[in-house]
Amino acid sequence: MTAGSTYTATDIAVVGAGPAGLTAALALASGGVSVTLIGSHTGDNRTTALLASSVTALETLGAWDKCSAHAAPLEVMRIVDDTGRLWRAPELRFAAAEIGLSAFGWNIENRHLVAGLAAHVAGLPNVTLLPQPAIAVEFADKAARITLDDGKIVEARLVVAADGRRSLCREAAGIAVKGQSYPQVAVTLNFEHSRPHNNTSTEFHTPSGPFTLVPLPGRRSSLVCVVRRQDAAGLTAMNEAALGAEVERRSHSVLGKVRVEAGLGQFPLHVETAEKFTAHRLVLVAEAAHTIPPIGAQGFNLGLRDIATLAELVARAHRDSEDVGADGLTGVYDRSRQADTLARRLTADLLNRSLLSDFLPVQGLRGLGLYIIDRIGPLRRAVMREGVAPAASMPKLMRGEPV
């Protein structure tokens, strides 16, 4: 439903209406609380690779059927050492069938993901949609107060910050961020190709970072090309024909002839983590809490685990007639999300640094590690399972159970 008054009272206010905010509103509403979703999504050309556990969560929430027609399964994942260095790792090939899955996940364009989630959220009776942006957030003892740019006021027992790296909510709560920038830029685009991708994602490891081809429906794929900052301008200045030829060259023509689609994007690489994921009447989720490099499809899926964990805690508190914004609840959320976030951040950072390093022992250790994973079957399968569904962080939604 849509509110028409200048004042809205709600159990939970979700600030940010991108994929994370929409999913948060959906998951929290499934626990029976009233939710107000604040903001709108501007859209971009990027895609999201949803791991199988994330898709399970969306299926459990009833939203995946509005998205699935636009998603391509990721049945095989290849890692190819394209560094050209003295010590190179063997090619790794992971098949989802080896661990009993039909696919590791599904890749979908953000515009289709947002449209599907928004359509489902719009039909929920306990969600109020306010498309105006928030301009101020204040936190008091029993409630938080959010002011929108049209003068509307939203009062909530808990604010969920899903408003990205430059979070207004996080700044209002005085939560600092620690991290660093990499000397790299991720260039993103979608393209058509002449050969079938056979539902195989291929990640070339290059001296400047990963060059990753991810299937889309039909003979289309998305690309995340990580290059050194000084090389990004030359790449993005190419016309579509020249850029298509460059993509084909860098991908060693594994997908045949390439035709690049309009909508090139570029994003400086950062690794950032909020010093804490909560404050009084506030929790941070997704990029408001943490940002990691686009390696191994971990970023957004990490955010979905934030959301699923929070939804489970809120639903339990609501059933027990407890305060859904109490410091005790937010403290449990903070502690439960720290370890998973730290592990994913360190893994992505280590892999990225190993690609950039010219130090021979580092290159050798990286190659040896990948060789061991490739040669030892139980270890390879354990790595695959942990990548898709972390054993230490599987909230109910990820297991296919309602909150």
Protein backbone atom coordinates (compact mmCIF):
# COMPACT_ATOMS: atom_id res chain seq x y z
CA MET A 1 0.00 0.00 0.00
CA THR A 2 1.06 3.64 -0.37
CA ALA A 3 0.85 6.18 2.43
CA GLY A 4 -0.73 9.55 1.70
CA SER A 5 -0.21 11.32 5.05
CA THR A 6 2.82 13.35 6.16
CA TYR A 7 3.48 11.00 9.09
CA THR A 8 3.97 7.24 9.05
CA ALA A 9 4.52 4.99 12.07
CA THR A 10 6.00 1.57 11.37
CA ASP A 11 7.80 -1.28 13.06
CA ILE A 12 10.73 -1.17 10.65
CA ALA A 13 11.91 1.38 8.11
CA VAL A 14 14.17 0.14 5.33
CA VAL A 15 16.17 2.97 3.77
CA GLY A 16 17.29 2.19 0.21
CA ALA A 17 15.19 0.51 -2.48
CA GLY A 18 17.78 -1.28 -4.58
CA PRO A 19 18.04 -5.08 -4.62
CA ALA A 20 19.19 -5.20 -0.98
CA GLY A 21 16.48 -2.87 0.29
CA LEU A 22 13.72 -4.64 -1.64
CA THR A 23 14.87 -8.02 -0.35
CA ALA A 24 15.09 -6.68 3.20
CA ALA A 25 11.54 -5.32 3.02
CA LEU A 26 10.30 -8.64 1.66
CA ALA A 27 12.12 -10.78 4.23
CA LEU A 28 11.16 -8.63 7.21
CA ALA A 29 7.53 -8.38 6.14
CA SER A 30 7.39 -12.19 5.99
CA GLY A 31 7.92 -12.15 9.77
CA GLY A 32 4.65 -10.28 10.33
CA VAL A 33 6.00 -6.81 11.17
CA SER A 34 4.98 -3.60 9.42
CA VAL A 35 7.66 -2.29 7.05
CA THR A 36 8.11 1.06 5.32
CA LEU A 37 10.44 1.01 2.32
CA ILE A 38 12.02 4.39 1.61
CA GLY A 39 13.66 5.39 -1.66
CA SER A 40 13.72 4.37 -5.31
CA HIS A 41 16.13 2.50 -7.55
CA THR A 42 17.86 4.40 -10.35
CA GLY A 43 19.01 1.27 -12.21
CA ASP A 44 22.27 0.26 -13.86
CA ASN A 45 23.53 -2.22 -16.44
CA ARG A 46 25.12 -4.60 -13.96
CA THR A 47 24.11 -8.17 -13.27
CA THR A 48 23.98 -10.12 -10.04
CA ALA A 49 25.12 -13.72 -9.66
CA LEU A 50 22.83 -15.16 -7.00
CA LEU A 51 24.26 -18.26 -5.34
CA ALA A 52 22.00 -21.27 -4.89
CA SER A 53 21.39 -20.51 -1.20
CA SER A 54 20.31 -16.96 -2.08
CA VAL A 55 17.91 -18.27 -4.71
CA THR A 56 16.53 -20.68 -2.09
CA ALA A 57 15.84 -17.67 0.13
CA LEU A 58 14.00 -15.84 -2.66
CA GLU A 59 12.03 -18.99 -3.47
CA THR A 60 11.04 -19.31 0.18
CA LEU A 61 9.85 -15.70 0.15
CA GLY A 62 7.81 -16.33 -3.02
CA ALA A 63 9.69 -13.82 -5.19
CA TRP A 64 11.92 -15.96 -7.39
CA ASP A 65 9.17 -16.95 -9.83
CA LYS A 66 8.98 -13.27 -10.86
CA CYS A 67 12.71 -13.28 -11.66
CA SER A 68 13.65 -16.76 -12.85
CA ALA A 69 12.69 -16.33 -16.52
CA HIS A 70 15.40 -13.68 -16.85
CA ALA A 71 18.16 -15.67 -15.11
CA ALA A 72 20.74 -18.10 -16.49
CA PRO A 73 22.00 -21.06 -14.42
CA LEU A 74 25.69 -21.29 -13.55
CA GLU A 75 26.32 -25.02 -13.85
CA VAL A 76 30.08 -24.95 -14.35
CA MET A 77 32.69 -22.48 -13.12
CA ARG A 78 36.14 -22.31 -14.73
CA ILE A 79 39.17 -20.49 -13.34
CA VAL A 80 41.92 -19.92 -15.89
CA ASP A 81 45.36 -18.53 -15.00
CA ASP A 82 45.99 -15.91 -17.68
CA THR A 83 48.76 -14.08 -15.85
CA GLY A 84 51.50 -15.21 -18.25
CA ARG A 85 53.84 -15.53 -15.28
CA LEU A 86 56.52 -18.10 -14.59
CA TRP A 87 54.50 -19.94 -11.98
CA ARG A 88 50.95 -20.40 -13.15
CA ALA A 89 48.10 -22.35 -11.61
CA PRO A 90 46.34 -25.17 -13.47
CA GLU A 91 42.91 -24.52 -14.91
CA LEU A 92 40.21 -25.35 -12.38
CA ARG A 93 36.80 -26.58 -13.42
CA PHE A 94 34.04 -26.85 -10.84
CA ALA A 95 30.76 -28.59 -11.74
CA ALA A 96 27.69 -28.06 -9.58
CA ALA A 97 26.61 -31.65 -10.20
CA GLU A 98 29.69 -32.80 -8.28
CA ILE A 99 28.08 -31.53 -5.04
CA GLY A 100 24.53 -32.54 -5.95
CA LEU A 101 23.31 -29.16 -7.24
CA SER A 102 21.72 -28.32 -10.57
CA ALA A 103 23.59 -25.00 -10.54
CA PHE A 104 25.91 -23.00 -8.29
CA GLY A 105 23.59 -20.07 -8.79
CA TRP A 106 21.83 -17.92 -11.38
CA ASN A 107 22.94 -14.72 -13.10
CA ILE A 108 20.34 -12.02 -13.66
CA GLU A 109 20.40 -8.43 -14.85
CA ASN A 110 19.73 -6.01 -12.00
CA ARG A 111 16.85 -4.38 -13.88
CA HIS A 112 15.00 -7.69 -13.97
CA LEU A 113 15.90 -8.54 -10.38
CA VAL A 114 14.64 -5.16 -9.14
CA ALA A 115 11.47 -5.38 -11.24
CA GLY A 116 10.65 -8.86 -9.92
CA LEU A 117 11.31 -7.98 -6.29
CA ALA A 118 9.43 -4.68 -6.56
CA ALA A 119 6.39 -6.41 -8.08
CA HIS A 120 6.29 -8.85 -5.20
CA VAL A 121 6.86 -6.24 -2.48
CA ALA A 122 4.11 -4.02 -3.94
CA GLY A 123 1.57 -6.74 -3.29
CA LEU A 124 2.33 -7.13 0.43
CA PRO A 125 -0.30 -5.58 2.73
CA ASN A 126 2.16 -4.83 5.56
CA VAL A 127 4.64 -2.87 3.39
CA THR A 128 4.30 0.87 2.77
CA LEU A 129 6.24 2.26 -0.20
CA LEU A 130 7.64 5.80 -0.02
CA PRO A 131 9.73 6.55 -3.14
CA GLN A 132 11.11 9.87 -1.84
CA PRO A 133 14.73 9.84 -0.62
CA ALA A 134 15.58 10.24 3.06
CA ILE A 135 17.46 13.43 3.95
CA ALA A 136 17.88 13.05 7.73
CA VAL A 137 17.79 10.32 10.38
CA GLU A 138 17.58 10.84 14.14
CA PHE A 139 17.75 8.16 16.81
CA ALA A 140 15.88 8.44 20.11
CA ASP A 141 15.37 6.06 23.00
CA LYS A 142 12.21 4.29 21.79
CA ALA A 143 12.15 5.10 18.07
CA ALA A 144 14.06 6.51 15.12
CA ARG A 145 12.76 9.41 13.06
CA ILE A 146 13.41 9.69 9.31
CA THR A 147 12.73 12.86 7.36
CA LEU A 148 12.09 12.60 3.62
CA ASP A 149 12.84 15.29 1.08
CA ASP A 150 9.12 16.08 0.64
CA GLY A 151 8.67 16.73 4.36
CA LYS A 152 7.16 13.36 5.27
CA ILE A 153 8.21 11.88 8.60
CA VAL A 154 8.61 8.16 9.26
CA GLU A 155 8.93 6.91 12.83
CA ALA A 156 10.21 3.36 13.29
CA ARG A 157 11.33 1.10 16.08
CA LEU A 158 14.20 -0.09 13.88
CA VAL A 159 15.93 1.40 10.85
CA VAL A 160 17.56 -0.96 8.35
CA ALA A 161 20.25 0.83 6.35
CA ALA A 162 20.30 -0.65 2.85
CA ASP A 163 21.45 2.62 1.32
CA GLY A 164 24.85 1.57 0.01
CA ARG A 165 28.48 2.57 0.48
CA ARG A 166 27.68 6.21 1.17
CA SER A 167 25.01 5.38 3.72
CA LEU A 168 23.13 8.37 5.17
CA CYS A 169 21.92 6.19 8.04
CA ARG A 170 25.41 4.99 8.94
CA GLU A 171 26.72 8.55 8.89
CA ALA A 172 23.83 9.79 11.05
CA ALA A 173 24.69 7.15 13.66
CA GLY A 174 28.37 8.15 13.61
CA ILE A 175 29.61 4.69 12.59
CA ALA A 176 33.08 4.87 11.08
CA VAL A 177 34.26 2.80 8.12
CA LYS A 178 37.67 1.18 7.77
CA GLY A 179 39.11 -0.07 4.54
CA GLN A 180 41.14 0.84 1.53
CA SER A 181 40.99 1.48 -2.18
CA TYR A 182 42.67 -0.75 -4.74
CA PRO A 183 44.56 0.60 -7.75
CA GLN A 184 41.90 -1.01 -9.95
CA VAL A 185 38.60 -0.30 -11.65
CA ALA A 186 35.90 -2.83 -12.53
CA VAL A 187 34.51 -2.26 -16.02
CA THR A 188 31.10 -3.90 -16.53
CA LEU A 189 29.09 -4.57 -19.66
CA ASN A 190 26.77 -7.09 -21.30
CA PHE A 191 27.37 -8.61 -24.72
CA GLU A 192 26.07 -11.03 -27.33
CA HIS A 193 28.29 -13.81 -28.66
CA SER A 194 28.26 -16.33 -31.49
CA ARG A 195 29.04 -19.48 -29.49
CA PRO A 196 26.88 -20.92 -26.70
CA HIS A 197 28.17 -20.44 -23.15
CA ASN A 198 26.74 -23.81 -22.05
CA ASN A 199 25.88 -22.29 -18.67
CA THR A 200 29.59 -22.01 -17.87
CA SER A 201 31.11 -19.03 -16.10
CA THR A 202 34.79 -18.44 -16.94
CA GLU A 203 37.06 -16.33 -14.76
CA PHE A 204 40.43 -15.45 -16.27
CA HIS A 205 42.95 -14.41 -13.64
CA THR A 206 45.08 -11.66 -15.17
CA PRO A 207 47.91 -9.52 -13.72
CA SER A 208 45.45 -6.65 -13.28
CA GLY A 209 42.63 -8.69 -11.71
CA PRO A 210 39.80 -11.04 -12.73
CA PHE A 211 38.23 -10.96 -16.19
CA THR A 212 34.96 -12.79 -15.64
CA LEU A 213 32.39 -13.96 -18.20
CA VAL A 214 29.04 -14.89 -16.65
CA PRO A 215 26.14 -16.42 -18.64
CA LEU A 216 22.85 -14.65 -19.28
CA PRO A 217 19.84 -16.23 -21.03
CA GLY A 218 20.43 -17.06 -24.70
CA ARG A 219 23.72 -16.24 -26.35
CA ARG A 220 24.41 -13.34 -24.02
CA SER A 221 26.82 -12.91 -21.13
CA SER A 222 27.87 -10.26 -18.66
CA LEU A 223 31.46 -9.19 -18.11
CA VAL A 224 33.31 -7.88 -15.09
CA CYS A 225 36.76 -6.77 -16.26
CA VAL A 226 39.09 -5.58 -13.50
CA VAL A 227 41.90 -3.40 -14.81
CA ARG A 228 44.47 -1.08 -13.31
CA ARG A 229 43.14 2.41 -12.81
CA GLN A 230 45.41 3.95 -15.44
CA ASP A 231 44.13 1.49 -18.08
CA ALA A 232 40.41 2.01 -17.49
CA ALA A 233 40.10 5.23 -19.52
CA GLY A 234 41.52 3.65 -22.67
CA LEU A 235 39.15 0.72 -22.40
CA THR A 236 36.03 2.78 -21.79
CA ALA A 237 36.91 5.25 -24.59
CA MET A 238 36.69 2.54 -27.28
CA ASN A 239 33.72 2.44 -29.62
CA GLU A 240 31.48 -0.63 -29.45
CA ALA A 241 33.18 -2.43 -32.35
CA ALA A 242 36.68 -1.94 -30.93
CA LEU A 243 35.54 -2.87 -27.44
CA GLY A 244 33.90 -6.04 -28.74
CA ALA A 245 37.14 -7.03 -30.46
CA GLU A 246 39.05 -6.33 -27.23
CA VAL A 247 36.65 -8.46 -25.18
CA GLU A 248 37.02 -11.28 -27.69
CA ARG A 249 40.81 -11.00 -27.55
CA ARG A 250 40.98 -11.00 -23.76
CA SER A 251 38.56 -13.93 -23.57
CA HIS A 252 40.61 -15.92 -26.11
CA SER A 253 37.48 -16.21 -28.29
CA VAL A 254 35.93 -18.82 -25.99
CA LEU A 255 32.50 -17.37 -26.84
CA GLY A 256 33.27 -16.59 -30.48
CA LYS A 257 32.45 -13.24 -32.03
CA VAL A 258 31.37 -10.55 -29.58
CA ARG A 259 28.93 -7.65 -29.94
CA VAL A 260 28.97 -5.30 -26.97
CA GLU A 261 25.65 -3.85 -25.83
CA ALA A 262 25.12 -0.23 -24.76
CA GLY A 263 25.49 0.57 -21.07
CA LEU A 264 29.16 0.43 -20.08
CA GLY A 265 29.83 0.90 -16.36
CA GLN A 266 32.96 1.43 -14.31
CA PHE A 267 33.41 1.20 -10.57
CA PRO A 268 36.57 1.82 -8.52
CA LEU A 269 37.46 -1.19 -6.36
CA HIS A 270 37.29 -0.85 -2.59
CA VAL A 271 37.26 -3.07 0.45
CA GLU A 272 35.40 -1.40 3.30
CA THR A 273 33.79 -2.58 6.51
CA ALA A 274 31.82 -0.58 9.06
CA GLU A 275 33.45 -0.69 12.49
CA LYS A 276 30.18 -2.09 13.80
CA PHE A 277 27.02 -3.19 12.03
CA THR A 278 24.58 -1.70 14.51
CA ALA A 279 23.81 1.36 16.60
CA HIS A 280 20.83 2.22 18.77
CA ARG A 281 17.71 1.50 16.65
CA LEU A 282 19.84 0.83 13.57
CA VAL A 283 21.29 -2.13 11.67
CA LEU A 284 23.45 -2.01 8.55
CA VAL A 285 23.06 -4.53 5.74
CA ALA A 286 24.81 -5.20 2.43
CA GLU A 287 27.07 -2.39 1.15
CA ALA A 288 26.13 -0.07 4.01
CA ALA A 289 27.94 -2.62 6.21
CA HIS A 290 30.65 -4.02 3.91
CA THR A 291 32.04 -3.77 0.39
CA ILE A 292 34.37 -6.35 -1.13
CA PRO A 293 35.89 -6.76 -4.63
CA PRO A 294 33.75 -8.55 -7.27
CA ILE A 295 35.49 -11.90 -6.85
CA GLY A 296 33.65 -15.21 -6.54
CA ALA A 297 30.15 -13.66 -6.55
CA GLN A 298 30.36 -13.02 -2.81
CA GLY A 299 29.35 -9.36 -2.41
CA PHE A 300 25.57 -9.29 -2.81
CA ASN A 301 25.18 -12.83 -1.48
CA LEU A 302 26.95 -11.74 1.69
CA GLY A 303 24.37 -8.96 1.98
CA LEU A 304 21.52 -11.43 1.54
CA ARG A 305 22.86 -13.43 4.48
CA ASP A 306 22.78 -10.20 6.52
CA ILE A 307 19.14 -9.74 5.59
CA ALA A 308 18.13 -13.36 6.23
CA THR A 309 19.82 -13.31 9.64
CA LEU A 310 18.11 -10.06 10.61
CA ALA A 311 14.69 -11.26 9.41
CA GLU A 312 14.98 -14.38 11.54
CA LEU A 313 15.83 -12.34 14.67
CA VAL A 314 13.05 -9.82 14.05
CA ALA A 315 10.42 -12.51 13.39
CA ARG A 316 11.33 -14.27 16.63
CA ALA A 317 11.13 -11.03 18.61
CA HIS A 318 7.77 -10.18 17.02
CA ARG A 319 6.33 -13.61 17.88
CA ASP A 320 7.48 -13.14 21.48
CA SER A 321 5.98 -9.59 21.62
CA GLU A 322 9.44 -8.11 22.18
CA ASP A 323 10.85 -4.83 20.88
CA VAL A 324 12.11 -5.49 17.35
CA GLY A 325 14.58 -2.60 17.63
CA ALA A 326 16.00 -3.40 21.06
CA ASP A 327 19.73 -3.22 21.61
CA GLY A 328 19.78 -6.88 22.61
CA LEU A 329 18.46 -7.94 19.20
CA THR A 330 20.77 -5.67 17.24
CA GLY A 331 23.72 -6.84 19.33
CA VAL A 332 23.04 -10.47 18.42
CA TYR A 333 22.86 -9.46 14.75
CA ASP A 334 26.19 -7.63 14.94
CA ARG A 335 28.01 -10.54 16.56
CA SER A 336 26.51 -13.12 14.21
CA ARG A 337 27.52 -11.27 11.03
CA GLN A 338 31.08 -10.29 11.91
CA ALA A 339 32.78 -13.66 11.34
CA ASP A 340 31.16 -14.35 7.96
CA THR A 341 31.97 -10.84 6.75
CA LEU A 342 35.58 -11.05 7.91
CA ALA A 343 36.14 -14.42 6.22
CA ARG A 344 34.75 -13.27 2.86
CA ARG A 345 36.62 -9.97 2.98
CA LEU A 346 39.95 -11.61 3.75
CA THR A 347 39.49 -14.25 1.05
CA ALA A 348 38.65 -11.70 -1.66
CA ASP A 349 41.46 -9.41 -0.55
CA LEU A 350 44.03 -12.22 -0.51
CA LEU A 351 43.10 -13.45 -3.97
CA ASN A 352 43.13 -9.95 -5.43
CA ARG A 353 46.51 -9.13 -3.88
CA SER A 354 47.98 -12.41 -5.12
CA LEU A 355 47.04 -11.45 -8.69
CA LEU A 356 48.62 -8.01 -8.38
CA SER A 357 51.81 -9.22 -6.72
CA ASP A 358 54.99 -9.62 -8.78
CA PHE A 359 56.70 -11.40 -5.86
CA LEU A 360 57.55 -14.92 -7.09
CA PRO A 361 56.92 -16.75 -3.78
CA VAL A 362 53.41 -15.24 -3.62
CA GLN A 363 52.70 -16.37 -7.17
CA GLY A 364 54.04 -19.81 -6.35
CA LEU A 365 51.89 -20.18 -3.22
CA ARG A 366 48.79 -19.12 -5.15
CA GLY A 367 49.50 -21.64 -7.90
CA LEU A 368 50.23 -24.39 -5.39
CA GLY A 369 47.03 -23.70 -3.47
CA LEU A 370 44.89 -23.91 -6.60
CA TYR A 371 46.73 -27.06 -7.70
CA ILE A 372 45.98 -28.76 -4.35
CA ILE A 373 42.30 -27.79 -4.59
CA ASP A 374 42.16 -29.19 -8.11
CA ARG A 375 43.84 -32.50 -7.28
CA ILE A 376 42.17 -33.40 -3.96
CA GLY A 377 38.54 -34.24 -4.62
CA PRO A 378 37.14 -33.95 -1.06
CA LEU A 379 38.87 -30.60 -0.61
CA ARG A 380 37.58 -29.33 -3.96
CA ARG A 381 34.03 -30.33 -3.04
CA ALA A 382 34.36 -28.74 0.40
CA VAL A 383 35.51 -25.49 -1.21
CA MET A 384 32.54 -25.56 -3.59
CA ARG A 385 30.04 -26.19 -0.78
CA GLU A 386 31.52 -23.43 1.37
CA GLY A 387 31.39 -20.99 -1.52
CA VAL A 388 27.71 -21.68 -2.21
CA ALA A 389 26.45 -22.22 1.35
CA PRO A 390 28.82 -21.26 4.20
CA ALA A 391 28.48 -23.86 6.95
CA ALA A 392 28.78 -21.27 9.74
CA SER A 393 26.23 -18.85 8.26
CA MET A 394 23.06 -20.47 6.96
CA PRO A 395 20.00 -18.70 8.35
CA LYS A 396 16.57 -20.23 7.91
CA LEU A 397 15.69 -18.58 4.62
CA MET A 398 18.87 -19.92 3.04
CA ARG A 399 17.82 -23.41 4.11
CA GLY A 400 14.38 -23.03 2.59
CA GLU A 401 12.59 -22.46 5.90
CA PRO A 402 10.30 -19.46 6.61
CA VAL A 403 11.45 -17.09 9.33
